[in-house]
């Protein structure tokens, strides 16, 4: 199983972002990387850094293909057509941890309600607000939202 993970920062979190970026690109783990419970050890690969000039913040106006999980509060509508493969997805909704208390016990402070595809295909949806368009080197584009903004 593979996951795409997108990390960004606010001005307040820029120092932490730079530390995370350094550790990721130098393959320096502080803790064992896992997905979910500790027995699902993860491997990080295919890192890509998007420069600021390749990231556009776009106000949503129409249906788009979304390549990331999306906060439920941002979704206006989903589009499905069984005869249209590009818009037919397996969609799940789940609550995921968004923040932890700084007490060393992994105590959850905030949960995020997210919508996502369980296939490698993007979701076709209409948003109530904005999203980010990431331009990749090969002229491919990704549309994403962050869990918290």
N, C-alpha and C. Protein backbone atom coordinates (compact mmCIF):
# COMPACT_ATOMS: atom_id res chain seq x y z
N UNK A 1 0.83 -1.16 0.00
CA UNK A 1 0.00 0.00 0.00
C UNK A 1 0.89 1.24 0.00
N UNK A 2 0.52 2.23 -0.78
CA UNK A 2 1.29 3.47 -0.86
C UNK A 2 0.38 4.66 -0.52
N UNK A 3 0.97 5.65 0.13
CA UNK A 3 0.27 6.88 0.45
C UNK A 3 1.09 8.05 -0.09
N UNK A 4 0.38 9.06 -0.56
CA UNK A 4 1.03 10.33 -0.87
C UNK A 4 0.78 11.23 0.32
N UNK A 5 1.83 11.88 0.79
CA UNK A 5 1.71 12.78 1.93
C UNK A 5 2.22 14.15 1.49
N UNK A 6 1.44 15.17 1.74
CA UNK A 6 1.81 16.54 1.40
C UNK A 6 2.01 17.32 2.69
N UNK A 7 3.13 18.01 2.78
CA UNK A 7 3.45 18.80 3.98
C UNK A 7 3.68 20.24 3.55
N UNK A 8 3.04 21.15 4.22
CA UNK A 8 3.24 22.58 3.98
C UNK A 8 3.42 23.26 5.33
N UNK A 9 3.56 24.56 5.33
CA UNK A 9 3.75 25.28 6.59
C UNK A 9 3.11 26.65 6.57
N UNK A 10 2.84 27.13 7.76
CA UNK A 10 2.45 28.52 7.96
C UNK A 10 3.71 29.25 8.42
N UNK A 11 3.65 30.54 8.58
CA UNK A 11 4.82 31.27 9.09
C UNK A 11 5.19 30.77 10.48
N UNK A 12 4.17 30.51 11.31
CA UNK A 12 4.42 30.05 12.67
C UNK A 12 5.12 28.68 12.68
N UNK A 13 4.82 27.82 11.72
CA UNK A 13 5.38 26.48 11.69
C UNK A 13 6.55 26.29 10.76
N UNK A 14 7.12 27.38 10.25
CA UNK A 14 8.20 27.27 9.26
C UNK A 14 9.44 26.56 9.82
N UNK A 15 9.82 26.82 11.05
CA UNK A 15 11.00 26.17 11.63
C UNK A 15 10.82 24.66 11.74
N UNK A 16 9.65 24.25 12.18
CA UNK A 16 9.37 22.81 12.29
C UNK A 16 9.37 22.18 10.90
N UNK A 17 8.76 22.85 9.93
CA UNK A 17 8.73 22.36 8.55
C UNK A 17 10.16 22.15 8.03
N UNK A 18 11.03 23.10 8.27
CA UNK A 18 12.42 22.99 7.78
C UNK A 18 13.13 21.79 8.43
N UNK A 19 12.86 21.55 9.71
CA UNK A 19 13.45 20.38 10.39
C UNK A 19 12.92 19.08 9.79
N UNK A 20 11.63 19.01 9.57
CA UNK A 20 11.03 17.81 8.97
C UNK A 20 11.62 17.58 7.57
N UNK A 21 11.69 18.64 6.79
CA UNK A 21 12.23 18.53 5.42
C UNK A 21 13.67 18.02 5.45
N UNK A 22 14.48 18.55 6.35
CA UNK A 22 15.88 18.12 6.46
C UNK A 22 15.96 16.63 6.79
N UNK A 23 15.17 16.21 7.77
CA UNK A 23 15.19 14.80 8.17
C UNK A 23 14.72 13.89 7.03
N UNK A 24 13.68 14.29 6.33
CA UNK A 24 13.17 13.47 5.23
C UNK A 24 14.19 13.33 4.10
N UNK A 25 14.76 14.45 3.67
CA UNK A 25 15.68 14.41 2.53
C UNK A 25 17.04 13.81 2.87
N UNK A 26 17.38 13.76 4.17
CA UNK A 26 18.64 13.13 4.58
C UNK A 26 18.42 11.73 5.15
N UNK A 27 17.17 11.24 5.04
CA UNK A 27 16.80 9.91 5.51
C UNK A 27 17.21 9.70 6.98
N UNK A 28 16.94 10.70 7.80
CA UNK A 28 17.27 10.66 9.23
C UNK A 28 16.00 10.56 10.05
N UNK A 29 15.71 9.38 10.56
CA UNK A 29 14.51 9.18 11.37
C UNK A 29 14.79 9.52 12.83
N UNK A 30 13.84 10.15 13.46
CA UNK A 30 13.89 10.38 14.90
C UNK A 30 13.13 9.24 15.58
N UNK A 31 11.98 8.89 15.02
CA UNK A 31 11.16 7.77 15.48
C UNK A 31 10.96 6.81 14.32
N UNK A 32 10.61 5.58 14.63
CA UNK A 32 10.30 4.62 13.58
C UNK A 32 9.08 5.11 12.82
N UNK A 33 9.17 5.12 11.50
CA UNK A 33 8.06 5.58 10.67
C UNK A 33 7.04 4.46 10.55
N UNK A 34 5.79 4.77 10.92
CA UNK A 34 4.71 3.78 10.85
C UNK A 34 3.47 4.40 10.22
N UNK A 35 2.59 3.54 9.76
CA UNK A 35 1.28 3.97 9.27
C UNK A 35 0.24 3.38 10.21
N UNK A 36 -0.32 4.21 11.05
CA UNK A 36 -1.29 3.71 12.02
C UNK A 36 -0.59 3.11 13.21
N UNK A 37 -0.92 1.86 13.49
CA UNK A 37 -0.32 1.20 14.65
C UNK A 37 1.14 0.87 14.40
N UNK A 38 1.88 0.64 15.46
CA UNK A 38 3.33 0.46 15.38
C UNK A 38 3.75 -0.75 14.57
N UNK A 39 2.88 -1.73 14.36
CA UNK A 39 3.29 -2.91 13.60
C UNK A 39 3.22 -2.71 12.08
N UNK A 40 2.80 -1.55 11.61
CA UNK A 40 2.79 -1.25 10.18
C UNK A 40 3.94 -0.30 9.85
N UNK A 41 5.14 -0.86 9.81
CA UNK A 41 6.32 -0.06 9.53
C UNK A 41 6.26 0.50 8.11
N UNK A 42 6.63 1.74 7.95
CA UNK A 42 6.55 2.42 6.66
C UNK A 42 7.94 2.69 6.10
N UNK A 43 7.98 2.89 4.79
CA UNK A 43 9.21 3.28 4.10
C UNK A 43 8.89 4.54 3.31
N UNK A 44 9.74 5.53 3.43
CA UNK A 44 9.55 6.79 2.72
C UNK A 44 10.36 6.76 1.44
N UNK A 45 9.70 7.09 0.32
CA UNK A 45 10.39 7.10 -0.97
C UNK A 45 9.79 8.17 -1.86
N UNK A 46 10.45 8.42 -2.97
CA UNK A 46 9.95 9.34 -4.01
C UNK A 46 9.61 10.73 -3.47
N UNK A 47 10.52 11.30 -2.70
CA UNK A 47 10.31 12.66 -2.18
C UNK A 47 10.39 13.67 -3.32
N UNK A 48 9.53 14.65 -3.26
CA UNK A 48 9.56 15.73 -4.24
C UNK A 48 9.25 17.04 -3.54
N UNK A 49 10.07 18.03 -3.79
CA UNK A 49 9.87 19.36 -3.21
C UNK A 49 9.30 20.27 -4.29
N UNK A 50 8.18 20.92 -3.99
CA UNK A 50 7.57 21.87 -4.93
C UNK A 50 8.01 23.27 -4.55
N UNK A 51 8.65 23.94 -5.46
CA UNK A 51 9.07 25.33 -5.24
C UNK A 51 7.84 26.23 -5.24
N UNK A 52 7.95 27.37 -4.56
CA UNK A 52 6.81 28.29 -4.44
C UNK A 52 6.21 28.69 -5.78
N UNK A 53 7.04 28.87 -6.80
CA UNK A 53 6.52 29.28 -8.10
C UNK A 53 5.76 28.16 -8.81
N UNK A 54 5.77 26.93 -8.27
CA UNK A 54 5.02 25.82 -8.83
C UNK A 54 3.80 25.46 -7.98
N UNK A 55 3.43 26.35 -7.07
CA UNK A 55 2.27 26.14 -6.20
C UNK A 55 1.32 27.31 -6.38
N UNK A 56 0.11 27.02 -6.84
CA UNK A 56 -0.90 28.06 -7.03
C UNK A 56 -2.07 27.83 -6.07
N UNK A 57 -2.51 28.87 -5.40
CA UNK A 57 -3.72 28.81 -4.58
C UNK A 57 -4.87 29.26 -5.48
N UNK A 58 -5.86 28.39 -5.67
CA UNK A 58 -6.94 28.65 -6.63
C UNK A 58 -8.29 28.62 -5.92
N UNK A 59 -9.12 29.64 -6.19
CA UNK A 59 -10.49 29.64 -5.69
C UNK A 59 -11.30 28.65 -6.52
N UNK A 60 -11.95 27.72 -5.87
CA UNK A 60 -12.72 26.69 -6.56
C UNK A 60 -13.98 27.28 -7.16
N UNK A 61 -14.21 26.97 -8.43
CA UNK A 61 -15.42 27.47 -9.10
C UNK A 61 -16.20 26.33 -9.75
N UNK A 62 -15.51 25.28 -10.14
CA UNK A 62 -16.14 24.19 -10.88
C UNK A 62 -15.66 22.85 -10.31
N UNK A 63 -16.11 21.77 -10.91
CA UNK A 63 -15.64 20.45 -10.49
C UNK A 63 -14.18 20.28 -10.87
N UNK A 64 -13.43 19.66 -9.99
CA UNK A 64 -12.01 19.39 -10.23
C UNK A 64 -11.69 17.97 -9.79
N UNK A 65 -10.56 17.47 -10.25
CA UNK A 65 -10.04 16.20 -9.76
C UNK A 65 -9.11 16.51 -8.60
N UNK A 66 -9.40 15.94 -7.43
CA UNK A 66 -8.62 16.21 -6.23
C UNK A 66 -7.74 15.00 -5.93
N UNK A 67 -6.44 15.25 -5.76
CA UNK A 67 -5.45 14.20 -5.54
C UNK A 67 -5.11 13.95 -4.08
N UNK A 68 -5.81 14.58 -3.17
CA UNK A 68 -5.53 14.40 -1.75
C UNK A 68 -6.84 14.20 -1.00
N UNK A 69 -6.72 13.85 0.26
CA UNK A 69 -7.89 13.84 1.14
C UNK A 69 -8.39 15.27 1.26
N UNK A 70 -9.67 15.41 1.57
CA UNK A 70 -10.29 16.74 1.63
C UNK A 70 -11.13 16.85 2.90
N UNK A 71 -10.98 17.94 3.65
CA UNK A 71 -11.87 18.15 4.81
C UNK A 71 -13.33 18.20 4.34
N UNK A 72 -14.18 17.45 5.02
CA UNK A 72 -15.60 17.39 4.65
C UNK A 72 -16.22 18.79 4.58
N UNK A 73 -15.83 19.68 5.47
CA UNK A 73 -16.39 21.03 5.51
C UNK A 73 -16.11 21.81 4.22
N UNK A 74 -15.12 21.40 3.44
CA UNK A 74 -14.77 22.10 2.20
C UNK A 74 -15.51 21.56 0.98
N UNK A 75 -16.17 20.42 1.12
CA UNK A 75 -16.81 19.76 -0.04
C UNK A 75 -18.23 20.27 -0.23
N UNK A 76 -18.48 20.77 -1.44
CA UNK A 76 -19.84 21.19 -1.80
C UNK A 76 -20.60 20.05 -2.46
N UNK A 77 -19.92 19.28 -3.35
CA UNK A 77 -20.60 18.22 -4.08
C UNK A 77 -19.58 17.22 -4.62
N UNK A 78 -20.00 15.96 -4.73
CA UNK A 78 -19.20 14.92 -5.38
C UNK A 78 -19.86 14.57 -6.71
N UNK A 79 -19.05 14.19 -7.69
CA UNK A 79 -19.62 13.84 -8.99
C UNK A 79 -19.26 12.40 -9.32
N UNK A 80 -20.29 11.60 -9.59
CA UNK A 80 -20.11 10.19 -9.95
C UNK A 80 -20.92 9.85 -11.19
N UNK A 81 -20.32 9.10 -12.09
CA UNK A 81 -21.02 8.50 -13.21
C UNK A 81 -20.44 7.12 -13.38
N UNK A 82 -21.26 6.09 -13.25
CA UNK A 82 -20.73 4.73 -13.33
C UNK A 82 -20.10 4.42 -14.68
N UNK A 83 -20.55 5.06 -15.74
CA UNK A 83 -19.98 4.78 -17.06
C UNK A 83 -18.77 5.65 -17.37
N UNK A 84 -18.41 6.54 -16.46
CA UNK A 84 -17.26 7.43 -16.64
C UNK A 84 -16.17 7.05 -15.65
N UNK A 85 -15.20 6.25 -16.09
CA UNK A 85 -14.16 5.72 -15.22
C UNK A 85 -13.42 6.82 -14.47
N UNK A 86 -13.15 7.95 -15.12
CA UNK A 86 -12.36 9.01 -14.49
C UNK A 86 -13.06 9.64 -13.28
N UNK A 87 -14.37 9.49 -13.19
CA UNK A 87 -15.06 10.11 -12.05
C UNK A 87 -15.64 9.07 -11.09
N UNK A 88 -15.43 7.79 -11.38
CA UNK A 88 -15.95 6.74 -10.51
C UNK A 88 -14.87 6.34 -9.52
N UNK A 89 -15.13 6.50 -8.26
CA UNK A 89 -14.14 6.24 -7.23
C UNK A 89 -14.74 5.45 -6.09
N UNK A 90 -13.88 4.93 -5.28
CA UNK A 90 -14.29 4.35 -4.02
C UNK A 90 -13.94 5.38 -2.95
N UNK A 91 -14.97 5.94 -2.36
CA UNK A 91 -14.79 7.06 -1.46
C UNK A 91 -15.05 6.63 -0.02
N UNK A 92 -14.22 7.11 0.88
CA UNK A 92 -14.42 6.85 2.30
C UNK A 92 -14.35 8.16 3.06
N UNK A 93 -15.02 8.16 4.19
CA UNK A 93 -14.98 9.29 5.11
C UNK A 93 -14.45 8.75 6.43
N UNK A 94 -13.54 9.48 7.04
CA UNK A 94 -12.97 9.00 8.30
C UNK A 94 -12.52 10.19 9.14
N UNK A 95 -12.38 9.93 10.42
CA UNK A 95 -11.83 10.92 11.34
C UNK A 95 -10.37 10.58 11.56
N UNK A 96 -9.48 11.54 11.34
CA UNK A 96 -8.05 11.33 11.52
C UNK A 96 -7.49 12.37 12.49
N UNK A 97 -6.49 11.99 13.27
CA UNK A 97 -5.91 12.95 14.21
C UNK A 97 -5.31 14.15 13.49
N UNK A 98 -5.60 15.33 13.98
CA UNK A 98 -5.08 16.55 13.39
C UNK A 98 -4.06 17.25 14.26
N UNK A 99 -4.10 16.96 15.55
CA UNK A 99 -3.15 17.60 16.46
C UNK A 99 -3.09 16.78 17.75
N UNK A 100 -1.93 16.80 18.38
CA UNK A 100 -1.72 16.07 19.62
C UNK A 100 -1.30 17.04 20.72
N UNK A 101 -1.66 16.71 21.96
CA UNK A 101 -1.19 17.50 23.10
C UNK A 101 0.30 17.27 23.26
N UNK A 102 1.00 18.30 23.65
CA UNK A 102 2.46 18.21 23.82
C UNK A 102 2.79 17.65 25.19
N UNK A 103 2.28 16.44 25.47
CA UNK A 103 2.53 15.84 26.78
C UNK A 103 3.30 14.52 26.67
N UNK A 104 3.73 14.16 25.45
CA UNK A 104 4.50 12.94 25.26
C UNK A 104 3.67 11.67 25.27
N UNK A 105 2.36 11.77 25.40
CA UNK A 105 1.49 10.59 25.48
C UNK A 105 0.68 10.36 24.22
N UNK A 106 0.92 11.13 23.17
CA UNK A 106 0.17 11.02 21.91
C UNK A 106 -1.33 11.23 22.13
N UNK A 107 -1.68 12.05 23.11
CA UNK A 107 -3.08 12.34 23.38
C UNK A 107 -3.61 13.29 22.33
N UNK A 108 -4.70 12.90 21.68
CA UNK A 108 -5.26 13.69 20.57
C UNK A 108 -5.95 14.93 21.10
N UNK A 109 -5.62 16.07 20.51
CA UNK A 109 -6.24 17.34 20.85
C UNK A 109 -7.34 17.69 19.85
N UNK A 110 -7.14 17.29 18.58
CA UNK A 110 -8.08 17.66 17.52
C UNK A 110 -8.19 16.53 16.50
N UNK A 111 -9.42 16.26 16.05
CA UNK A 111 -9.66 15.28 15.00
C UNK A 111 -10.15 16.02 13.75
N UNK A 112 -9.78 15.50 12.57
CA UNK A 112 -10.23 16.07 11.30
C UNK A 112 -11.11 15.06 10.57
N UNK A 113 -12.25 15.52 10.10
CA UNK A 113 -13.17 14.68 9.32
C UNK A 113 -12.83 14.85 7.85
N UNK A 114 -12.35 13.76 7.21
CA UNK A 114 -11.83 13.83 5.85
C UNK A 114 -12.56 12.88 4.90
N UNK A 115 -12.59 13.25 3.64
CA UNK A 115 -13.12 12.45 2.55
C UNK A 115 -11.95 12.11 1.64
N UNK A 116 -11.84 10.83 1.21
CA UNK A 116 -10.72 10.44 0.37
C UNK A 116 -11.07 9.22 -0.47
N UNK A 117 -10.31 9.01 -1.54
CA UNK A 117 -10.47 7.85 -2.40
C UNK A 117 -9.56 6.74 -1.89
N UNK A 118 -10.04 5.50 -1.91
CA UNK A 118 -9.20 4.38 -1.51
C UNK A 118 -8.56 3.72 -2.73
N UNK A 119 -8.64 4.37 -3.87
CA UNK A 119 -7.99 3.92 -5.09
C UNK A 119 -6.94 4.96 -5.47
N UNK A 120 -6.09 4.65 -6.46
CA UNK A 120 -5.14 5.67 -6.89
C UNK A 120 -5.77 6.77 -7.75
N UNK A 121 -7.07 6.69 -7.98
CA UNK A 121 -7.76 7.69 -8.81
C UNK A 121 -8.17 8.89 -7.97
N UNK A 122 -8.10 10.09 -8.53
CA UNK A 122 -8.52 11.28 -7.79
C UNK A 122 -10.04 11.35 -7.64
N UNK A 123 -10.49 12.10 -6.65
CA UNK A 123 -11.91 12.36 -6.47
C UNK A 123 -12.32 13.49 -7.40
N UNK A 124 -13.51 13.39 -7.98
CA UNK A 124 -14.06 14.52 -8.75
C UNK A 124 -15.09 15.18 -7.85
N UNK A 125 -14.81 16.45 -7.52
CA UNK A 125 -15.70 17.13 -6.59
C UNK A 125 -15.69 18.63 -6.82
N UNK A 126 -16.62 19.27 -6.18
CA UNK A 126 -16.71 20.74 -6.20
C UNK A 126 -16.48 21.20 -4.77
N UNK A 127 -15.59 22.18 -4.61
CA UNK A 127 -15.25 22.69 -3.29
C UNK A 127 -15.99 23.99 -2.99
N UNK A 128 -16.12 24.28 -1.71
CA UNK A 128 -16.71 25.54 -1.26
C UNK A 128 -15.69 26.66 -1.18
N UNK A 129 -14.41 26.28 -1.19
CA UNK A 129 -13.37 27.28 -0.98
C UNK A 129 -12.22 27.06 -1.95
N UNK A 130 -11.01 27.12 -1.52
CA UNK A 130 -9.83 27.08 -2.38
C UNK A 130 -9.12 25.73 -2.31
N UNK A 131 -8.19 25.55 -3.22
CA UNK A 131 -7.30 24.39 -3.22
C UNK A 131 -5.95 24.83 -3.77
N UNK A 132 -4.98 23.93 -3.69
CA UNK A 132 -3.65 24.22 -4.23
C UNK A 132 -3.41 23.36 -5.45
N UNK A 133 -2.88 23.97 -6.49
CA UNK A 133 -2.47 23.27 -7.69
C UNK A 133 -0.95 23.21 -7.69
N UNK A 134 -0.41 21.98 -7.72
CA UNK A 134 1.03 21.76 -7.72
C UNK A 134 1.47 21.35 -9.12
N UNK A 135 2.40 22.09 -9.69
CA UNK A 135 2.92 21.77 -11.02
C UNK A 135 4.15 20.90 -10.85
N UNK A 136 4.07 19.70 -11.46
CA UNK A 136 5.21 18.78 -11.40
C UNK A 136 6.11 19.02 -12.60
N UNK A 137 7.32 18.49 -12.53
CA UNK A 137 8.32 18.69 -13.58
C UNK A 137 7.83 18.17 -14.92
N UNK A 138 7.17 17.02 -14.93
CA UNK A 138 6.75 16.39 -16.19
C UNK A 138 5.46 17.00 -16.74
N UNK A 139 5.11 18.20 -16.36
CA UNK A 139 3.92 18.94 -16.75
C UNK A 139 2.64 18.33 -16.18
N UNK A 140 2.77 17.34 -15.32
CA UNK A 140 1.62 16.80 -14.61
C UNK A 140 1.26 17.76 -13.48
N UNK A 141 -0.01 17.81 -13.13
CA UNK A 141 -0.46 18.68 -12.05
C UNK A 141 -1.20 17.88 -11.00
N UNK A 142 -1.11 18.32 -9.76
CA UNK A 142 -1.83 17.72 -8.65
C UNK A 142 -2.66 18.80 -7.98
N UNK A 143 -3.89 18.48 -7.64
CA UNK A 143 -4.75 19.38 -6.88
C UNK A 143 -4.88 18.82 -5.47
N UNK A 144 -4.59 19.64 -4.47
CA UNK A 144 -4.60 19.16 -3.10
C UNK A 144 -5.25 20.16 -2.15
N UNK A 145 -5.67 19.65 -0.99
CA UNK A 145 -6.09 20.45 0.16
C UNK A 145 -5.30 19.92 1.34
N UNK A 146 -5.09 20.74 2.33
CA UNK A 146 -4.46 20.30 3.56
C UNK A 146 -5.54 19.98 4.59
N UNK A 147 -5.20 19.12 5.55
CA UNK A 147 -6.15 18.74 6.60
C UNK A 147 -6.53 19.95 7.45
N UNK A 148 -5.58 20.82 7.71
CA UNK A 148 -5.80 22.01 8.52
C UNK A 148 -5.36 23.23 7.74
N UNK A 149 -6.17 24.27 7.78
CA UNK A 149 -5.74 25.54 7.16
C UNK A 149 -6.39 26.68 7.88
